[in-house]
Amino acid sequence: MGKKKVFYLDPDDRKWTMEDLGLSWDDLEATDEKMESIEGVFFANNGKIISRMELPNHCPDCLETLAYNDEFDSIYCEACDEWRDSPCTDPACEYCAIRPEKPSDCN
């Protein structure tokens, strides 16, 4: 079996075209002839390829960049409106005990 490339794309929310990126099919064919193939798995979001090193900083559901809430000391995804950190089990925790259900409910 030959080398293969895997791209994860969201066709329902695609906003970028080749013209938006300044490319054409002719450019890609010429590039393929000149460059050696790169093998691997690539994640892309909003026209940007996300490297493996950056992946932990992105939401596992939508690949948007995660944000941090100082008030509740927790990481969340603004696009999904969900916390990515589970609350702790300590009932006296000053952060988790009063954390709202959704990040958008924060002041």
PDB file of N, CA and C in Angstrom:
ATOM      1  N   MET A   1       0.837  -1.169   0.000  1.00  0.00           N
ATOM      2  CA  MET A   1       0.000   0.000   0.000  1.00  0.00           C
ATOM      3  C   MET A   1       0.887   1.239   0.000  1.00  0.00           C
ATOM      4  N   GLY A   2       0.519   2.233  -0.793  1.00  0.00           N
ATOM      5  CA  GLY A   2       1.326   3.438  -0.906  1.00  0.00           C
ATOM      6  C   GLY A   2       1.125   4.410   0.226  1.00  0.00           C
ATOM      7  N   LYS A   3       1.871   5.502   0.178  1.00  0.00           N
ATOM      8  CA  LYS A   3       1.741   6.542   1.183  1.00  0.00           C
ATOM      9  C   LYS A   3       0.388   7.219   1.037  1.00  0.00           C
ATOM     10  N   LYS A   4      -0.165   7.687   2.149  1.00  0.00           N
ATOM     11  CA  LYS A   4      -1.436   8.384   2.068  1.00  0.00           C
ATOM     12  C   LYS A   4      -1.445   9.574   3.010  1.00  0.00           C
ATOM     13  N   LYS A   5      -2.289  10.548   2.712  1.00  0.00           N
ATOM     14  CA  LYS A   5      -2.472  11.730   3.533  1.00  0.00           C
ATOM     15  C   LYS A   5      -3.907  11.717   4.025  1.00  0.00           C
ATOM     16  N   VAL A   6      -4.112  12.122   5.261  1.00  0.00           N
ATOM     17  CA  VAL A   6      -5.446  12.186   5.831  1.00  0.00           C
ATOM     18  C   VAL A   6      -5.711  13.615   6.261  1.00  0.00           C
ATOM     19  N   PHE A   7      -6.774  14.223   5.752  1.00  0.00           N
ATOM     20  CA  PHE A   7      -7.179  15.571   6.124  1.00  0.00           C
ATOM     21  C   PHE A   7      -8.548  15.503   6.770  1.00  0.00           C
ATOM     22  N   TYR A   8      -8.705  16.167   7.924  1.00  0.00           N
ATOM     23  CA  TYR A   8      -9.992  16.245   8.592  1.00  0.00           C
ATOM     24  C   TYR A   8     -10.593  17.613   8.285  1.00  0.00           C
ATOM     25  N   LEU A   9     -11.658  17.619   7.498  1.00  0.00           N
ATOM     26  CA  LEU A   9     -12.298  18.859   7.082  1.00  0.00           C
ATOM     27  C   LEU A   9     -13.761  18.837   7.490  1.00  0.00           C
ATOM     28  N   ASP A  10     -14.340  19.995   7.649  1.00  0.00           N
ATOM     29  CA  ASP A  10     -15.752  20.088   7.969  1.00  0.00           C
ATOM     30  C   ASP A  10     -16.473  20.671   6.766  1.00  0.00           C
ATOM     31  N   PRO A  11     -17.027  19.837   5.889  1.00  0.00           N
ATOM     32  CA  PRO A  11     -17.654  20.344   4.676  1.00  0.00           C
ATOM     33  C   PRO A  11     -18.915  21.167   4.929  1.00  0.00           C
ATOM     34  N   ASP A  12     -19.556  21.009   6.085  1.00  0.00           N
ATOM     35  CA  ASP A  12     -20.770  21.767   6.375  1.00  0.00           C
ATOM     36  C   ASP A  12     -20.468  23.221   6.730  1.00  0.00           C
ATOM     37  N   ASP A  13     -19.239  23.502   7.152  1.00  0.00           N
ATOM     38  CA  ASP A  13     -18.899  24.845   7.611  1.00  0.00           C
ATOM     39  C   ASP A  13     -17.693  25.406   6.860  1.00  0.00           C
ATOM     40  N   ARG A  14     -17.404  24.871   5.700  1.00  0.00           N
ATOM     41  CA  ARG A  14     -16.221  25.301   4.958  1.00  0.00           C
ATOM     42  C   ARG A  14     -16.428  26.711   4.418  1.00  0.00           C
ATOM     43  N   LYS A  15     -15.478  27.595   4.701  1.00  0.00           N
ATOM     44  CA  LYS A  15     -15.578  28.980   4.262  1.00  0.00           C
ATOM     45  C   LYS A  15     -14.463  29.344   3.271  1.00  0.00           C
ATOM     46  N   TRP A  16     -13.467  28.495   3.140  1.00  0.00           N
ATOM     47  CA  TRP A  16     -12.294  28.814   2.340  1.00  0.00           C
ATOM     48  C   TRP A  16     -12.353  28.096   1.003  1.00  0.00           C
ATOM     49  N   THR A  17     -11.972  28.786  -0.031  1.00  0.00           N
ATOM     50  CA  THR A  17     -11.842  28.165  -1.349  1.00  0.00           C
ATOM     51  C   THR A  17     -10.382  28.290  -1.765  1.00  0.00           C
ATOM     52  N   MET A  18     -10.014  27.597  -2.816  1.00  0.00           N
ATOM     53  CA  MET A  18      -8.629  27.694  -3.295  1.00  0.00           C
ATOM     54  C   MET A  18      -8.317  29.123  -3.730  1.00  0.00           C
ATOM     55  N   GLU A  19      -9.300  29.792  -4.334  1.00  0.00           N
ATOM     56  CA  GLU A  19      -9.089  31.174  -4.773  1.00  0.00           C
ATOM     57  C   GLU A  19      -8.828  32.100  -3.582  1.00  0.00           C
ATOM     58  N   ASP A  20      -9.526  31.839  -2.438  1.00  0.00           N
ATOM     59  CA  ASP A  20      -9.309  32.640  -1.232  1.00  0.00           C
ATOM     60  C   ASP A  20      -7.865  32.519  -0.759  1.00  0.00           C
ATOM     61  N   LEU A  21      -7.274  31.354  -0.962  1.00  0.00           N
ATOM     62  CA  LEU A  21      -5.901  31.111  -0.531  1.00  0.00           C
ATOM     63  C   LEU A  21      -4.877  31.492  -1.595  1.00  0.00           C
ATOM     64  N   GLY A  22      -5.352  32.032  -2.738  1.00  0.00           N
ATOM     65  CA  GLY A  22      -4.459  32.437  -3.812  1.00  0.00           C
ATOM     66  C   GLY A  22      -3.891  31.276  -4.601  1.00  0.00           C
ATOM     67  N   LEU A  23      -4.640  30.158  -4.670  1.00  0.00           N
ATOM     68  CA  LEU A  23      -4.174  28.961  -5.361  1.00  0.00           C
ATOM     69  C   LEU A  23      -5.092  28.602  -6.511  1.00  0.00           C
ATOM     70  N   SER A  24      -4.565  27.789  -7.401  1.00  0.00           N
ATOM     71  CA  SER A  24      -5.368  27.201  -8.477  1.00  0.00           C
ATOM     72  C   SER A  24      -4.937  25.745  -8.630  1.00  0.00           C
ATOM     73  N   TRP A  25      -5.737  24.970  -9.338  1.00  0.00           N
ATOM     74  CA  TRP A  25      -5.391  23.562  -9.546  1.00  0.00           C
ATOM     75  C   TRP A  25      -4.066  23.429 -10.289  1.00  0.00           C
ATOM     76  N   ASP A  26      -3.796  24.331 -11.226  1.00  0.00           N
ATOM     77  CA  ASP A  26      -2.532  24.301 -11.973  1.00  0.00           C
ATOM     78  C   ASP A  26      -1.345  24.494 -11.032  1.00  0.00           C
ATOM     79  N   ASP A  27      -1.486  25.403 -10.048  1.00  0.00           N
ATOM     80  CA  ASP A  27      -0.413  25.633  -9.072  1.00  0.00           C
ATOM     81  C   ASP A  27      -0.128  24.363  -8.277  1.00  0.00           C
ATOM     82  N   LEU A  28      -1.185  23.660  -7.875  1.00  0.00           N
ATOM     83  CA  LEU A  28      -1.009  22.445  -7.073  1.00  0.00           C
ATOM     84  C   LEU A  28      -0.334  21.336  -7.873  1.00  0.00           C
ATOM     85  N   GLU A  29      -0.709  21.183  -9.131  1.00  0.00           N
ATOM     86  CA  GLU A  29      -0.075  20.155  -9.962  1.00  0.00           C
ATOM     87  C   GLU A  29       1.409  20.457 -10.147  1.00  0.00           C
ATOM     88  N   ALA A  30       1.752  21.723 -10.360  1.00  0.00           N
ATOM     89  CA  ALA A  30       3.156  22.106 -10.522  1.00  0.00           C
ATOM     90  C   ALA A  30       3.922  21.878  -9.217  1.00  0.00           C
ATOM     91  N   THR A  31       3.291  22.169  -8.088  1.00  0.00           N
ATOM     92  CA  THR A  31       3.923  21.971  -6.784  1.00  0.00           C
ATOM     93  C   THR A  31       4.183  20.489  -6.537  1.00  0.00           C
ATOM     94  N   ASP A  32       3.214  19.630  -6.878  1.00  0.00           N
ATOM     95  CA  ASP A  32       3.385  18.189  -6.684  1.00  0.00           C
ATOM     96  C   ASP A  32       4.582  17.653  -7.456  1.00  0.00           C
ATOM     97  N   GLU A  33       4.813  18.192  -8.630  1.00  0.00           N
ATOM     98  CA  GLU A  33       5.930  17.727  -9.452  1.00  0.00           C
ATOM     99  C   GLU A  33       7.269  18.149  -8.850  1.00  0.00           C
ATOM    100  N   LYS A  34       7.315  19.313  -8.196  1.00  0.00           N
ATOM    101  CA  LYS A  34       8.561  19.858  -7.677  1.00  0.00           C
ATOM    102  C   LYS A  34       8.896  19.389  -6.266  1.00  0.00           C
ATOM    103  N   MET A  35       7.873  19.101  -5.462  1.00  0.00           N
ATOM    104  CA  MET A  35       8.109  18.817  -4.050  1.00  0.00           C
ATOM    105  C   MET A  35       7.912  17.345  -3.730  1.00  0.00           C
ATOM    106  N   GLU A  36       8.645  16.904  -2.735  1.00  0.00           N
ATOM    107  CA  GLU A  36       8.481  15.554  -2.236  1.00  0.00           C
ATOM    108  C   GLU A  36       7.225  15.500  -1.377  1.00  0.00           C
ATOM    109  N   SER A  37       6.561  14.401  -1.397  1.00  0.00           N
ATOM    110  CA  SER A  37       5.317  14.240  -0.658  1.00  0.00           C
ATOM    111  C   SER A  37       5.563  14.199   0.850  1.00  0.00           C
ATOM    112  N   ILE A  38       4.632  14.766   1.609  1.00  0.00           N
ATOM    113  CA  ILE A  38       4.689  14.733   3.072  1.00  0.00           C
ATOM    114  C   ILE A  38       3.625  13.760   3.535  1.00  0.00           C
ATOM    115  N   GLU A  39       4.010  12.837   4.392  1.00  0.00           N
ATOM    116  CA  GLU A  39       3.082  11.827   4.879  1.00  0.00           C
ATOM    117  C   GLU A  39       2.683  12.152   6.307  1.00  0.00           C
ATOM    118  N   GLY A  40       1.411  11.945   6.633  1.00  0.00           N
ATOM    119  CA  GLY A  40       0.993  12.159   8.008  1.00  0.00           C
ATOM    120  C   GLY A  40      -0.480  12.482   8.125  1.00  0.00           C
ATOM    121  N   VAL A  41      -0.876  12.841   9.324  1.00  0.00           N
ATOM    122  CA  VAL A  41      -2.244  13.246   9.621  1.00  0.00           C
ATOM    123  C   VAL A  41      -2.221  14.737   9.914  1.00  0.00           C
ATOM    124  N   PHE A  42      -3.131  15.474   9.284  1.00  0.00           N
ATOM    125  CA  PHE A  42      -3.174  16.923   9.423  1.00  0.00           C
ATOM    126  C   PHE A  42      -4.550  17.347   9.904  1.00  0.00           C
ATOM    127  N   PHE A  43      -4.592  18.315  10.814  1.00  0.00           N
ATOM    128  CA  PHE A  43      -5.843  18.890  11.283  1.00  0.00           C
ATOM    129  C   PHE A  43      -5.885  20.327  10.787  1.00  0.00           C
ATOM    130  N   ALA A  44      -7.012  20.740  10.235  1.00  0.00           N
ATOM    131  CA  ALA A  44      -7.146  22.104   9.730  1.00  0.00           C
ATOM    132  C   ALA A  44      -8.425  22.725  10.270  1.00  0.00           C
ATOM    133  N   ASN A  45      -8.346  24.023  10.575  1.00  0.00           N
ATOM    134  CA  ASN A  45      -9.503  24.754  11.064  1.00  0.00           C
ATOM    135  C   ASN A  45      -9.408  26.191  10.573  1.00  0.00           C
ATOM    136  N   ASN A  46     -10.462  26.667   9.942  1.00  0.00           N
ATOM    137  CA  ASN A  46     -10.510  28.041   9.416  1.00  0.00           C
ATOM    138  C   ASN A  46      -9.320  28.364   8.508  1.00  0.00           C
ATOM    139  N   GLY A  47      -8.969  27.428   7.655  1.00  0.00           N
ATOM    140  CA  GLY A  47      -7.899  27.659   6.695  1.00  0.00           C
ATOM    141  C   GLY A  47      -6.499  27.554   7.262  1.00  0.00           C
ATOM    142  N   LYS A  48      -6.350  27.103   8.488  1.00  0.00           N
ATOM    143  CA  LYS A  48      -5.031  26.993   9.112  1.00  0.00           C
ATOM    144  C   LYS A  48      -4.789  25.555   9.544  1.00  0.00           C
ATOM    145  N   ILE A  49      -3.614  25.037   9.225  1.00  0.00           N
ATOM    146  CA  ILE A  49      -3.245  23.692   9.659  1.00  0.00           C
ATOM    147  C   ILE A  49      -2.765  23.767  11.100  1.00  0.00           C
ATOM    148  N   ILE A  50      -3.279  22.874  11.936  1.00  0.00           N
ATOM    149  CA  ILE A  50      -2.917  22.827  13.348  1.00  0.00           C
ATOM    150  C   ILE A  50      -1.853  21.743  13.526  1.00  0.00           C
ATOM    151  N   SER A  51      -0.711  22.130  14.061  1.00  0.00           N
ATOM    152  CA  SER A  51       0.372  21.164  14.261  1.00  0.00           C
ATOM    153  C   SER A  51       0.073  20.272  15.460  1.00  0.00           C
ATOM    154  N   ARG A  52       0.764  19.165  15.547  1.00  0.00           N
ATOM    155  CA  ARG A  52       0.574  18.245  16.682  1.00  0.00           C
ATOM    156  C   ARG A  52       0.900  18.914  18.006  1.00  0.00           C
ATOM    157  N   MET A  53       1.872  19.814  18.010  1.00  0.00           N
ATOM    158  CA  MET A  53       2.268  20.502  19.241  1.00  0.00           C
ATOM    159  C   MET A  53       1.160  21.460  19.712  1.00  0.00           C
ATOM    160  N   GLU A  54       0.400  22.040  18.784  1.00  0.00           N
ATOM    161  CA  GLU A  54      -0.669  22.977  19.120  1.00  0.00           C
ATOM    162  C   GLU A  54      -1.974  22.271  19.489  1.00  0.00           C
ATOM    163  N   LEU A  55      -2.128  21.030  19.110  1.00  0.00           N
ATOM    164  CA  LEU A  55      -3.393  20.312  19.264  1.00  0.00           C
ATOM    165  C   LEU A  55      -3.950  20.324  20.691  1.00  0.00           C
ATOM    166  N   PRO A  56      -3.148  20.171  21.752  1.00  0.00           N
ATOM    167  CA  PRO A  56      -3.712  20.216  23.111  1.00  0.00           C
ATOM    168  C   PRO A  56      -4.357  21.562  23.470  1.00  0.00           C
ATOM    169  N   ASN A  57      -4.022  22.618  22.743  1.00  0.00           N
ATOM    170  CA  ASN A  57      -4.602  23.941  22.994  1.00  0.00           C
ATOM    171  C   ASN A  57      -5.889  24.177  22.216  1.00  0.00           C
ATOM    172  N   HIS A  58      -6.402  23.131  21.570  1.00  0.00           N
ATOM    173  CA  HIS A  58      -7.609  23.246  20.764  1.00  0.00           C
ATOM    174  C   HIS A  58      -8.689  22.294  21.272  1.00  0.00           C
ATOM    175  N   CYS A  59      -9.931  22.685  21.051  1.00  0.00           N
ATOM    176  CA  CYS A  59     -11.073  21.883  21.479  1.00  0.00           C
ATOM    177  C   CYS A  59     -11.086  20.558  20.714  1.00  0.00           C
ATOM    178  N   PRO A  60     -11.264  19.448  21.414  1.00  0.00           N
ATOM    179  CA  PRO A  60     -11.296  18.153  20.722  1.00  0.00           C
ATOM    180  C   PRO A  60     -12.545  17.961  19.868  1.00  0.00           C
ATOM    181  N   ASP A  61     -13.588  18.767  20.098  1.00  0.00           N
ATOM    182  CA  ASP A  61     -14.824  18.636  19.320  1.00  0.00           C
ATOM    183  C   ASP A  61     -14.836  19.502  18.064  1.00  0.00           C
ATOM    184  N   CYS A  62     -14.431  20.783  18.207  1.00  0.00           N
ATOM    185  CA  CYS A  62     -14.556  21.704  17.061  1.00  0.00           C
ATOM    186  C   CYS A  62     -13.219  22.246  16.554  1.00  0.00           C
ATOM    187  N   LEU A  63     -12.129  21.963  17.233  1.00  0.00           N
ATOM    188  CA  LEU A  63     -10.763  22.398  16.894  1.00  0.00           C
ATOM    189  C   LEU A  63     -10.527  23.899  17.033  1.00  0.00           C
ATOM    190  N   GLU A  64     -11.462  24.625  17.669  1.00  0.00           N
ATOM    191  CA  GLU A  64     -11.217  26.035  17.959  1.00  0.00           C
ATOM    192  C   GLU A  64     -10.214  26.136  19.109  1.00  0.00           C
ATOM    193  N   THR A  65      -9.531  27.262  19.217  1.00  0.00           N
ATOM    194  CA  THR A  65      -8.571  27.476  20.285  1.00  0.00           C
ATOM    195  C   THR A  65      -9.300  27.577  21.626  1.00  0.00           C
ATOM    196  N   LEU A  66      -8.788  26.882  22.635  1.00  0.00           N
ATOM    197  CA  LEU A  66      -9.383  26.913  23.965  1.00  0.00           C
ATOM    198  C   LEU A  66      -9.034  28.224  24.678  1.00  0.00           C
ATOM    199  N   ALA A  67      -9.897  28.623  25.598  1.00  0.00           N
ATOM    200  CA  ALA A  67      -9.692  29.846  26.380  1.00  0.00           C
ATOM    201  C   ALA A  67      -9.584  29.477  27.858  1.00  0.00           C
ATOM    202  N   TYR A  68      -9.105  30.440  28.649  1.00  0.00           N
ATOM    203  CA  TYR A  68      -8.939  30.213  30.091  1.00  0.00           C
ATOM    204  C   TYR A  68      -9.765  31.241  30.855  1.00  0.00           C
ATOM    205  N   ASN A  69     -10.494  30.771  31.866  1.00  0.00           N
ATOM    206  CA  ASN A  69     -11.289  31.640  32.720  1.00  0.00           C
ATOM    207  C   ASN A  69     -10.579  31.780  34.066  1.00  0.00           C
ATOM    208  N   ASP A  70     -10.090  32.990  34.341  1.00  0.00           N
ATOM    209  CA  ASP A  70      -9.377  33.274  35.598  1.00  0.00           C
ATOM    210  C   ASP A  70     -10.268  33.111  36.817  1.00  0.00           C
ATOM    211  N   GLU A  71     -11.508  33.575  36.694  1.00  0.00           N
ATOM    212  CA  GLU A  71     -12.416  33.573  37.837  1.00  0.00           C
ATOM    213  C   GLU A  71     -12.658  32.164  38.384  1.00  0.00           C
ATOM    214  N   PHE A  72     -12.757  31.175  37.475  1.00  0.00           N
ATOM    215  CA  PHE A  72     -13.039  29.801  37.898  1.00  0.00           C
ATOM    216  C   PHE A  72     -11.874  28.850  37.660  1.00  0.00           C
ATOM    217  N   ASP A  73     -10.713  29.411  37.282  1.00  0.00           N
ATOM    218  CA  ASP A  73      -9.492  28.632  37.093  1.00  0.00           C
ATOM    219  C   ASP A  73      -9.769  27.392  36.238  1.00  0.00           C
ATOM    220  N   SER A  74     -10.348  27.629  35.055  1.00  0.00           N
ATOM    221  CA  SER A  74     -10.744  26.507  34.211  1.00  0.00           C
ATOM    222  C   SER A  74     -10.623  26.847  32.731  1.00  0.00           C
ATOM    223  N   ILE A  75     -10.375  25.817  31.942  1.00  0.00           N
ATOM    224  CA  ILE A  75     -10.267  25.950  30.488  1.00  0.00           C
ATOM    225  C   ILE A  75     -11.630  25.652  29.878  1.00  0.00           C
ATOM    226  N   TYR A  76     -11.988  26.400  28.830  1.00  0.00           N
ATOM    227  CA  TYR A  76     -13.281  26.198  28.170  1.00  0.00           C
ATOM    228  C   TYR A  76     -13.185  26.460  26.672  1.00  0.00           C
ATOM    229  N   CYS A  77     -14.186  25.979  25.941  1.00  0.00           N
ATOM    230  CA  CYS A  77     -14.294  26.244  24.511  1.00  0.00           C
ATOM    231  C   CYS A  77     -15.417  27.245  24.316  1.00  0.00           C
ATOM    232  N   GLU A  78     -15.071  28.406  23.812  1.00  0.00           N
ATOM    233  CA  GLU A  78     -16.061  29.453  23.598  1.00  0.00           C
ATOM    234  C   GLU A  78     -17.058  29.056  22.506  1.00  0.00           C
ATOM    235  N   ALA A  79     -16.585  28.416  21.449  1.00  0.00           N
ATOM    236  CA  ALA A  79     -17.459  28.019  20.340  1.00  0.00           C
ATOM    237  C   ALA A  79     -18.495  26.981  20.770  1.00  0.00           C
ATOM    238  N   CYS A  80     -18.080  25.997  21.567  1.00  0.00           N
ATOM    239  CA  CYS A  80     -18.988  24.943  22.045  1.00  0.00           C
ATOM    240  C   CYS A  80     -19.752  25.370  23.296  1.00  0.00           C
ATOM    241  N   ASP A  81     -19.270  26.435  23.955  1.00  0.00           N
ATOM    242  CA  ASP A  81     -19.825  26.910  25.222  1.00  0.00           C
ATOM    243  C   ASP A  81     -19.838  25.792  26.260  1.00  0.00           C
ATOM    244  N   GLU A  82     -18.675  25.139  26.391  1.00  0.00           N
ATOM    245  CA  GLU A  82     -18.530  24.049  27.358  1.00  0.00           C
ATOM    246  C   GLU A  82     -17.183  24.156  28.057  1.00  0.00           C
ATOM    247  N   TRP A  83     -17.184  23.768  29.336  1.00  0.00           N
ATOM    248  CA  TRP A  83     -15.945  23.676  30.099  1.00  0.00           C
ATOM    249  C   TRP A  83     -15.179  22.455  29.619  1.00  0.00           C
ATOM    250  N   ARG A  84     -13.886  22.543  29.523  1.00  0.00           N
ATOM    251  CA  ARG A  84     -13.060  21.396  29.145  1.00  0.00           C
ATOM    252  C   ARG A  84     -12.356  20.795  30.354  1.00  0.00           C
ATOM    253  N   ASP A  85     -12.392  21.489  31.490  1.00  0.00           N
ATOM    254  CA  ASP A  85     -11.880  20.945  32.748  1.00  0.00           C
ATOM    255  C   ASP A  85     -13.067  20.447  33.560  1.00  0.00           C
ATOM    256  N   SER A  86     -12.974  19.254  34.095  1.00  0.00           N
ATOM    257  CA  SER A  86     -14.023  18.742  34.982  1.00  0.00           C
ATOM    258  C   SER A  86     -13.883  19.411  36.340  1.00  0.00           C
ATOM    259  N   PRO A  87     -15.002  19.687  37.004  1.00  0.00           N
ATOM    260  CA  PRO A  87     -14.888  20.271  38.343  1.00  0.00           C
ATOM    261  C   PRO A  87     -14.292  19.260  39.308  1.00  0.00           C
ATOM    262  N   CYS A  88     -13.611  19.749  40.303  1.00  0.00           N
ATOM    263  CA  CYS A  88     -13.014  18.842  41.291  1.00  0.00           C
ATOM    264  C   CYS A  88     -14.096  18.299  42.227  1.00  0.00           C
ATOM    265  N   THR A  89     -13.738  17.348  43.032  1.00  0.00           N
ATOM    266  CA  THR A  89     -14.709  16.711  43.931  1.00  0.00           C
ATOM    267  C   THR A  89     -14.730  17.329  45.327  1.00  0.00           C
ATOM    268  N   ASP A  90     -13.899  18.342  45.540  1.00  0.00           N
ATOM    269  CA  ASP A  90     -13.841  18.996  46.845  1.00  0.00           C
ATOM    270  C   ASP A  90     -15.019  19.968  46.994  1.00  0.00           C
ATOM    271  N   PRO A  91     -15.963  19.709  47.908  1.00  0.00           N
ATOM    272  CA  PRO A  91     -17.119  20.602  48.060  1.00  0.00           C
ATOM    273  C   PRO A  91     -16.748  21.987  48.578  1.00  0.00           C
ATOM    274  N   ALA A  92     -15.577  22.133  49.161  1.00  0.00           N
ATOM    275  CA  ALA A  92     -15.134  23.428  49.679  1.00  0.00           C
ATOM    276  C   ALA A  92     -14.309  24.220  48.660  1.00  0.00           C
ATOM    277  N   CYS A  93     -14.150  23.695  47.462  1.00  0.00           N
ATOM    278  CA  CYS A  93     -13.351  24.383  46.426  1.00  0.00           C
ATOM    279  C   CYS A  93     -14.019  25.708  46.066  1.00  0.00           C
ATOM    280  N   GLU A  94     -13.260  26.785  46.199  1.00  0.00           N
ATOM    281  CA  GLU A  94     -13.813  28.110  45.936  1.00  0.00           C
ATOM    282  C   GLU A  94     -14.097  28.357  44.454  1.00  0.00           C
ATOM    283  N   TYR A  95     -13.498  27.590  43.585  1.00  0.00           N
ATOM    284  CA  TYR A  95     -13.717  27.758  42.149  1.00  0.00           C
ATOM    285  C   TYR A  95     -14.864  26.889  41.635  1.00  0.00           C
ATOM    286  N   CYS A  96     -14.787  25.605  41.897  1.00  0.00           N
ATOM    287  CA  CYS A  96     -15.737  24.645  41.319  1.00  0.00           C
ATOM    288  C   CYS A  96     -17.133  24.699  41.943  1.00  0.00           C
ATOM    289  N   ALA A  97     -17.218  25.045  43.223  1.00  0.00           N
ATOM    290  CA  ALA A  97     -18.512  25.035  43.912  1.00  0.00           C
ATOM    291  C   ALA A  97     -19.486  26.050  43.328  1.00  0.00           C
ATOM    292  N   ILE A  98     -18.968  27.180  42.818  1.00  0.00           N
ATOM    293  CA  ILE A  98     -19.860  28.218  42.300  1.00  0.00           C
ATOM    294  C   ILE A  98     -19.750  28.405  40.783  1.00  0.00           C
ATOM    295  N   ARG A  99     -19.037  27.504  40.118  1.00  0.00           N
ATOM    296  CA  ARG A  99     -18.870  27.616  38.661  1.00  0.00           C
ATOM    297  C   ARG A  99     -20.205  27.388  37.957  1.00  0.00           C
ATOM    298  N   PRO A 100     -20.592  28.273  37.034  1.00  0.00           N
ATOM    299  CA  PRO A 100     -21.852  28.082  36.310  1.00  0.00           C
ATOM    300  C   PRO A 100     -21.802  26.847  35.406  1.00  0.00           C
ATOM    301  N   GLU A 101     -22.950  26.402  34.960  1.00  0.00           N
ATOM    302  CA  GLU A 101     -23.057  25.229  34.082  1.00  0.00           C
ATOM    303  C   GLU A 101     -22.348  25.470  32.754  1.00  0.00           C
ATOM    304  N   LYS A 102     -22.487  26.670  32.191  1.00  0.00           N
ATOM    305  CA  LYS A 102     -21.885  27.024  30.897  1.00  0.00           C
ATOM    306  C   LYS A 102     -20.959  28.225  31.067  1.00  0.00           C
ATOM    307  N   PRO A 103     -19.866  28.298  30.327  1.00  0.00           N
ATOM    308  CA  PRO A 103     -18.966  29.453  30.402  1.00  0.00           C
ATOM    309  C   PRO A 103     -19.652  30.768  30.039  1.00  0.00           C
ATOM    310  N   SER A 104     -20.631  30.720  29.151  1.00  0.00           N
ATOM    311  CA  SER A 104     -21.322  31.948  28.744  1.00  0.00           C
ATOM    312  C   SER A 104     -22.146  32.553  29.882  1.00  0.00           C
ATOM    313  N   ASP A 105     -22.417  31.772  30.929  1.00  0.00           N
ATOM    314  CA  ASP A 105     -23.174  32.265  32.087  1.00  0.00           C
ATOM    315  C   ASP A 105     -22.290  33.028  33.079  1.00  0.00           C
ATOM    316  N   CYS A 106     -20.984  33.112  32.800  1.00  0.00           N
ATOM    317  CA  CYS A 106     -20.076  33.854  33.683  1.00  0.00           C
ATOM    318  C   CYS A 106     -20.317  35.354  33.508  1.00  0.00           C
ATOM    319  N   ASN A 107     -19.974  36.106  34.549  1.00  0.00           N
ATOM    320  CA  ASN A 107     -20.158  37.573  34.489  1.00  0.00           C
ATOM    321  C   ASN A 107     -19.158  38.199  33.566  1.00  0.00           C
TER     322      ASN A 107
END
